Amino acid sequence: MAPRSRPFKRALAAILEFSGHLFVILALLLGFRLVEFVMHFLWGPTERLFLGGVPLRYVFDIADLALLGVLLLYGIYAVIREYTREPE
């Protein structure tokens, strides 16, 4: 029975690693949205410009995209690393 539990332990470790990354991504995205909501609430419905030319909405969208890209790549690496290492 011990050989069968090894793949299960590896898969469980990979699922836990993935779940942790998913939670972090969701928390950071919600944080970005909260900051964006507060800024729109304080400044009103007018579109503010970042550095005089780029709409602030674009800055938040780029931050969301960069966060998703970096954490997605790192998450895939961490799940593969967790799945391929020997369980304790």
N, C-alpha and C. Protein backbone atom coordinates (compact mmCIF):
# COMPACT_ATOMS: atom_id res chain seq x y z
N MET A 1 0.81 -1.20 0.00
CA MET A 1 0.00 0.00 0.00
C MET A 1 0.86 1.27 0.00
N ALA A 2 2.06 1.17 0.46
CA ALA A 2 2.93 2.35 0.52
C ALA A 2 3.27 2.90 -0.86
N PRO A 3 3.56 2.04 -1.88
CA PRO A 3 3.85 2.61 -3.20
C PRO A 3 2.67 3.38 -3.79
N ARG A 4 1.44 2.97 -3.48
CA ARG A 4 0.29 3.68 -4.03
C ARG A 4 0.09 5.04 -3.36
N SER A 5 0.52 5.18 -2.14
CA SER A 5 0.30 6.44 -1.44
C SER A 5 1.27 7.52 -1.91
N ARG A 6 2.39 7.13 -2.51
CA ARG A 6 3.37 8.12 -2.96
C ARG A 6 2.78 9.06 -4.03
N PRO A 7 2.14 8.58 -5.10
CA PRO A 7 1.54 9.50 -6.07
C PRO A 7 0.44 10.35 -5.45
N PHE A 8 -0.31 9.76 -4.52
CA PHE A 8 -1.36 10.54 -3.86
C PHE A 8 -0.75 11.68 -3.05
N LYS A 9 0.33 11.41 -2.33
CA LYS A 9 1.00 12.46 -1.55
C LYS A 9 1.55 13.55 -2.46
N ARG A 10 2.12 13.15 -3.57
CA ARG A 10 2.64 14.14 -4.52
C ARG A 10 1.52 15.00 -5.09
N ALA A 11 0.44 14.37 -5.49
CA ALA A 11 -0.68 15.11 -6.05
C ALA A 11 -1.30 16.03 -5.01
N LEU A 12 -1.43 15.55 -3.78
CA LEU A 12 -1.97 16.39 -2.71
C LEU A 12 -1.08 17.59 -2.44
N ALA A 13 0.23 17.38 -2.42
CA ALA A 13 1.16 18.50 -2.21
C ALA A 13 1.05 19.51 -3.35
N ALA A 14 0.91 19.03 -4.58
CA ALA A 14 0.78 19.93 -5.72
C ALA A 14 -0.54 20.70 -5.66
N ILE A 15 -1.61 20.04 -5.26
CA ILE A 15 -2.91 20.71 -5.14
C ILE A 15 -2.87 21.77 -4.04
N LEU A 16 -2.23 21.45 -2.93
CA LEU A 16 -2.10 22.44 -1.85
C LEU A 16 -1.27 23.64 -2.28
N GLU A 17 -0.20 23.38 -3.02
CA GLU A 17 0.63 24.48 -3.53
C GLU A 17 -0.17 25.35 -4.49
N PHE A 18 -0.91 24.73 -5.38
CA PHE A 18 -1.74 25.47 -6.33
C PHE A 18 -2.81 26.28 -5.60
N SER A 19 -3.44 25.69 -4.61
CA SER A 19 -4.48 26.39 -3.85
C SER A 19 -3.91 27.61 -3.13
N GLY A 20 -2.73 27.46 -2.58
CA GLY A 20 -2.08 28.59 -1.92
C GLY A 20 -1.80 29.74 -2.88
N HIS A 21 -1.31 29.41 -4.08
CA HIS A 21 -1.05 30.45 -5.07
C HIS A 21 -2.35 31.09 -5.54
N LEU A 22 -3.37 30.29 -5.72
CA LEU A 22 -4.66 30.83 -6.14
C LEU A 22 -5.21 31.80 -5.10
N PHE A 23 -5.09 31.47 -3.84
CA PHE A 23 -5.53 32.35 -2.76
C PHE A 23 -4.76 33.66 -2.76
N VAL A 24 -3.46 33.60 -2.95
CA VAL A 24 -2.63 34.82 -2.97
C VAL A 24 -3.01 35.70 -4.16
N ILE A 25 -3.20 35.09 -5.32
CA ILE A 25 -3.59 35.86 -6.51
C ILE A 25 -4.93 36.55 -6.28
N LEU A 26 -5.90 35.83 -5.76
CA LEU A 26 -7.22 36.42 -5.51
C LEU A 26 -7.14 37.55 -4.50
N ALA A 27 -6.37 37.37 -3.45
CA ALA A 27 -6.24 38.41 -2.43
C ALA A 27 -5.58 39.67 -3.00
N LEU A 28 -4.54 39.50 -3.80
CA LEU A 28 -3.86 40.66 -4.39
C LEU A 28 -4.75 41.37 -5.41
N LEU A 29 -5.46 40.62 -6.22
CA LEU A 29 -6.37 41.25 -7.19
C LEU A 29 -7.49 42.00 -6.49
N LEU A 30 -8.03 41.43 -5.43
CA LEU A 30 -9.06 42.14 -4.66
C LEU A 30 -8.49 43.39 -4.02
N GLY A 31 -7.24 43.32 -3.58
CA GLY A 31 -6.58 44.51 -3.03
C GLY A 31 -6.43 45.59 -4.08
N PHE A 32 -6.01 45.22 -5.29
CA PHE A 32 -5.90 46.20 -6.38
C PHE A 32 -7.26 46.84 -6.67
N ARG A 33 -8.29 46.01 -6.72
CA ARG A 33 -9.64 46.54 -7.01
C ARG A 33 -10.12 47.46 -5.89
N LEU A 34 -9.79 47.13 -4.66
CA LEU A 34 -10.19 47.98 -3.54
C LEU A 34 -9.50 49.34 -3.62
N VAL A 35 -8.21 49.35 -3.92
CA VAL A 35 -7.49 50.62 -4.07
C VAL A 35 -8.06 51.42 -5.23
N GLU A 36 -8.35 50.76 -6.34
CA GLU A 36 -8.94 51.45 -7.49
C GLU A 36 -10.32 52.02 -7.14
N PHE A 37 -11.12 51.25 -6.41
CA PHE A 37 -12.44 51.74 -6.00
C PHE A 37 -12.32 52.96 -5.09
N VAL A 38 -11.41 52.92 -4.14
CA VAL A 38 -11.22 54.05 -3.22
C VAL A 38 -10.76 55.28 -3.99
N MET A 39 -9.86 55.11 -4.94
CA MET A 39 -9.38 56.26 -5.72
C MET A 39 -10.51 56.86 -6.54
N HIS A 40 -11.34 56.03 -7.14
CA HIS A 40 -12.48 56.55 -7.91
C HIS A 40 -13.50 57.20 -6.99
N PHE A 41 -13.66 56.66 -5.80
CA PHE A 41 -14.59 57.25 -4.83
C PHE A 41 -14.10 58.62 -4.38
N LEU A 42 -12.81 58.76 -4.15
CA LEU A 42 -12.26 60.03 -3.68
C LEU A 42 -12.20 61.08 -4.78
N TRP A 43 -11.87 60.66 -6.02
CA TRP A 43 -11.69 61.63 -7.10
C TRP A 43 -12.94 61.85 -7.91
N GLY A 44 -13.94 61.05 -7.74
CA GLY A 44 -15.16 61.23 -8.52
C GLY A 44 -15.10 60.49 -9.84
N PRO A 45 -16.10 60.73 -10.68
CA PRO A 45 -16.20 59.97 -11.93
C PRO A 45 -15.22 60.41 -13.02
N THR A 46 -14.51 61.51 -12.82
CA THR A 46 -13.58 61.96 -13.87
C THR A 46 -12.39 61.02 -13.97
N GLU A 47 -11.91 60.83 -15.18
CA GLU A 47 -10.77 59.94 -15.43
C GLU A 47 -9.48 60.68 -15.13
N ARG A 48 -8.74 60.20 -14.17
CA ARG A 48 -7.45 60.80 -13.80
C ARG A 48 -6.35 60.24 -14.69
N LEU A 49 -5.35 61.08 -14.93
CA LEU A 49 -4.24 60.67 -15.78
C LEU A 49 -3.00 60.43 -14.92
N PHE A 50 -2.27 59.38 -15.24
CA PHE A 50 -1.02 59.06 -14.56
C PHE A 50 0.12 59.67 -15.35
N LEU A 51 0.92 60.48 -14.70
CA LEU A 51 2.04 61.20 -15.34
C LEU A 51 1.56 62.06 -16.50
N GLY A 52 0.36 62.55 -16.41
CA GLY A 52 -0.15 63.49 -17.38
C GLY A 52 -0.59 62.92 -18.72
N GLY A 53 -0.56 61.61 -18.90
CA GLY A 53 -0.93 61.11 -20.21
C GLY A 53 -1.64 59.78 -20.23
N VAL A 54 -1.35 58.90 -19.29
CA VAL A 54 -1.92 57.56 -19.30
C VAL A 54 -3.09 57.52 -18.31
N PRO A 55 -4.27 57.09 -18.76
CA PRO A 55 -5.39 56.98 -17.81
C PRO A 55 -5.04 56.02 -16.67
N LEU A 56 -5.42 56.38 -15.48
CA LEU A 56 -5.10 55.59 -14.30
C LEU A 56 -5.69 54.18 -14.38
N ARG A 57 -6.79 54.03 -15.06
CA ARG A 57 -7.41 52.72 -15.25
C ARG A 57 -6.44 51.77 -15.97
N TYR A 58 -5.69 52.30 -16.93
CA TYR A 58 -4.72 51.47 -17.65
C TYR A 58 -3.60 50.99 -16.73
N VAL A 59 -3.20 51.85 -15.81
CA VAL A 59 -2.14 51.47 -14.87
C VAL A 59 -2.60 50.29 -14.02
N PHE A 60 -3.84 50.34 -13.53
CA PHE A 60 -4.36 49.22 -12.75
C PHE A 60 -4.52 47.97 -13.59
N ASP A 61 -4.93 48.11 -14.83
CA ASP A 61 -5.07 46.94 -15.70
C ASP A 61 -3.71 46.30 -15.98
N ILE A 62 -2.70 47.12 -16.21
CA ILE A 62 -1.35 46.59 -16.44
C ILE A 62 -0.82 45.91 -15.19
N ALA A 63 -1.10 46.49 -14.02
CA ALA A 63 -0.67 45.87 -12.77
C ALA A 63 -1.36 44.52 -12.58
N ASP A 64 -2.63 44.43 -12.89
CA ASP A 64 -3.35 43.16 -12.80
C ASP A 64 -2.74 42.12 -13.73
N LEU A 65 -2.48 42.52 -14.96
CA LEU A 65 -1.92 41.60 -15.95
C LEU A 65 -0.52 41.14 -15.55
N ALA A 66 0.31 42.05 -15.08
CA ALA A 66 1.66 41.69 -14.66
C ALA A 66 1.61 40.74 -13.46
N LEU A 67 0.74 41.02 -12.52
CA LEU A 67 0.62 40.17 -11.34
C LEU A 67 0.17 38.76 -11.75
N LEU A 68 -0.83 38.68 -12.59
CA LEU A 68 -1.31 37.37 -13.04
C LEU A 68 -0.22 36.60 -13.79
N GLY A 69 0.49 37.29 -14.66
CA GLY A 69 1.53 36.62 -15.44
C GLY A 69 2.66 36.10 -14.58
N VAL A 70 3.17 36.92 -13.69
CA VAL A 70 4.30 36.51 -12.85
C VAL A 70 3.89 35.38 -11.90
N LEU A 71 2.75 35.55 -11.24
CA LEU A 71 2.34 34.52 -10.29
C LEU A 71 1.88 33.24 -11.00
N LEU A 72 1.37 33.34 -12.19
CA LEU A 72 1.00 32.14 -12.94
C LEU A 72 2.26 31.34 -13.30
N LEU A 73 3.27 32.03 -13.80
CA LEU A 73 4.51 31.33 -14.15
C LEU A 73 5.18 30.74 -12.91
N TYR A 74 5.24 31.52 -11.83
CA TYR A 74 5.85 31.00 -10.61
C TYR A 74 5.01 29.85 -10.03
N GLY A 75 3.69 29.97 -10.11
CA GLY A 75 2.82 28.92 -9.61
C GLY A 75 3.00 27.61 -10.36
N ILE A 76 3.12 27.69 -11.68
CA ILE A 76 3.35 26.48 -12.47
C ILE A 76 4.68 25.85 -12.08
N TYR A 77 5.70 26.68 -11.94
CA TYR A 77 7.02 26.17 -11.52
C TYR A 77 6.93 25.51 -10.14
N ALA A 78 6.24 26.15 -9.19
CA ALA A 78 6.15 25.61 -7.83
C ALA A 78 5.36 24.31 -7.79
N VAL A 79 4.29 24.22 -8.57
CA VAL A 79 3.50 22.98 -8.60
C VAL A 79 4.32 21.85 -9.21
N ILE A 80 5.04 22.11 -10.28
CA ILE A 80 5.89 21.08 -10.89
C ILE A 80 6.98 20.66 -9.93
N ARG A 81 7.61 21.63 -9.26
CA ARG A 81 8.65 21.32 -8.28
C ARG A 81 8.08 20.47 -7.13
N GLU A 82 6.91 20.84 -6.66
CA GLU A 82 6.29 20.11 -5.55
C GLU A 82 5.90 18.71 -5.97
N TYR A 83 5.44 18.54 -7.20
CA TYR A 83 5.02 17.22 -7.67
C TYR A 83 6.20 16.30 -7.93
N THR A 84 7.33 16.85 -8.35
CA THR A 84 8.47 16.01 -8.70
C THR A 84 9.39 15.70 -7.54
N ARG A 85 9.28 16.42 -6.45
CA ARG A 85 10.18 16.11 -5.32
C ARG A 85 9.64 14.93 -4.53
N GLU A 86 10.51 14.30 -3.79
CA GLU A 86 10.11 13.14 -3.00
C GLU A 86 9.27 13.58 -1.81
N PRO A 87 8.16 12.90 -1.54
CA PRO A 87 7.34 13.24 -0.37
C PRO A 87 8.07 12.85 0.92
N GLU A 88 7.76 13.57 1.96
CA GLU A 88 8.43 13.31 3.24
C GLU A 88 7.71 12.26 4.04
